[in-house]
C-alpha cells in the first residue's frame, strides 16, 4: 500500500494470486533464469522461513557455507569502500529496517545520492534491483554499488588490498580456487545477502495458527489491507510486493521529477514509476518512498489510501480513494507493525 502500480506486462514463473480479491495469502516468488534451488539448511546455511520457497541461487554462484561466511565478512568490511568509512551494512542497518533511515542515501566520500536505501529483507527473491529495476542480478547490483556512488571504490584496487590480507587470501583460495577478484567479491557478498530472511513475524505466526499473535486492531487492519483498502493488489504475496513498477505521484510535482523506471525502458507509461517495496519491517524504515519524502508510516498510508498524488501518469487502475476512516487507517498501520522483523545481523570478526 506504500506504492502504486502502473501495470507493466511481465512474465513470472509462479502465479500471482491477488490477496485483495481472494483473501488467500500466497507467495509471489519470481525465479531467476537458470537457477538452482538451495537445499534446506545444509551445514550451517540458513533455511528460508517456513512459508517461503527455497531461495533461488544462480547456477554460476551456488551457495556453500564457506562462501556464505566470506560474504558475511565482506558485507561488514568498510575497507571495501573508497575512503574506508562505509560497508554494505552501513546503508542497511538492523534498527532502521535494513535501510539507513535517511531520506536519500549518502555514499562514500560524502556523496549525496538521489534515492533512499531500500531494505535488504528477502532481497534474494527479487528478479530486478534498484528502485527502477535497472540491474538484473544481485551480483550486478553489488558491483554497481561498489564501484558507484554508494562505495565509490575501484574494485581492482580493493581486491589487491584484500589479497594482501592472509585471512582473506586464504578464504578466496578455499572458496574460489583463486585470489580475490571483483567478480568473486560480489558473488560472495550476494551469497550472504540471499540468506537475509524475514518470515517469522507476528503476522507469520498468526497465519500459521497462533491466534494470539495479533491483537484486535492488527486483525482488523489485516482484513482492511486485503479487502476494502485494496493494499494487497500491489503489496501481494508472502513478500508483500508484486515486484512491478508503479507511479504513485511521489515527487511528480517537482520542477524536474525523477523519471524512475522510464530511464530503463524509455516508455512513457513508466514515467515516475518505481518498484513496489516490500512491507516487511516497514515500521522501522522511515522515511518512505524512493525519495524519502514522507516522514511517517501514518502519512504514507494516508497518501496511498487516498489514491496517491495526482499526475498525468498516476496508476489509476490500482490506486483509488478507498474512503478509509481515520480508525481504519490506524488499524492498517497497526497491522503493518505486525510485520516487524527480528534482525540479528552482527559484524563478524574480520581478517
Foldseek 3Di string as FASTA:
>chain_A
DLFWDLDDDDDFDDDFDQCLPVVDFAAGFGEEPQWDFDDADDDQAHGAPPRDDGQTDHPVQDDDNLLLVLLLQQQQFLLLFPVSPDHVQCQQDQQQQGGNQDLFDAAPPRRTDQWGGAYLAQVSRAQADDFQRQHRHQLVVVLCCSCDRHRVDDQVVSQVVQCVDVVSQVSCCVPPVHGDDSSSNSSSNVSNSNRRHFQPFLVNVVVVPDVPSADPLLVLLSCCCSYLQLQSRALGHSQGGPQHWFAQPVQVPDPDGDQRNCVRVVDPLSGRITGDGGLQQVQSNADDDTRRPRGHPLVSLQQQCCFGDDDPNHNNVRGHNSPDDPSNSVSNVSNSVSNYGDDDSDNDDHD
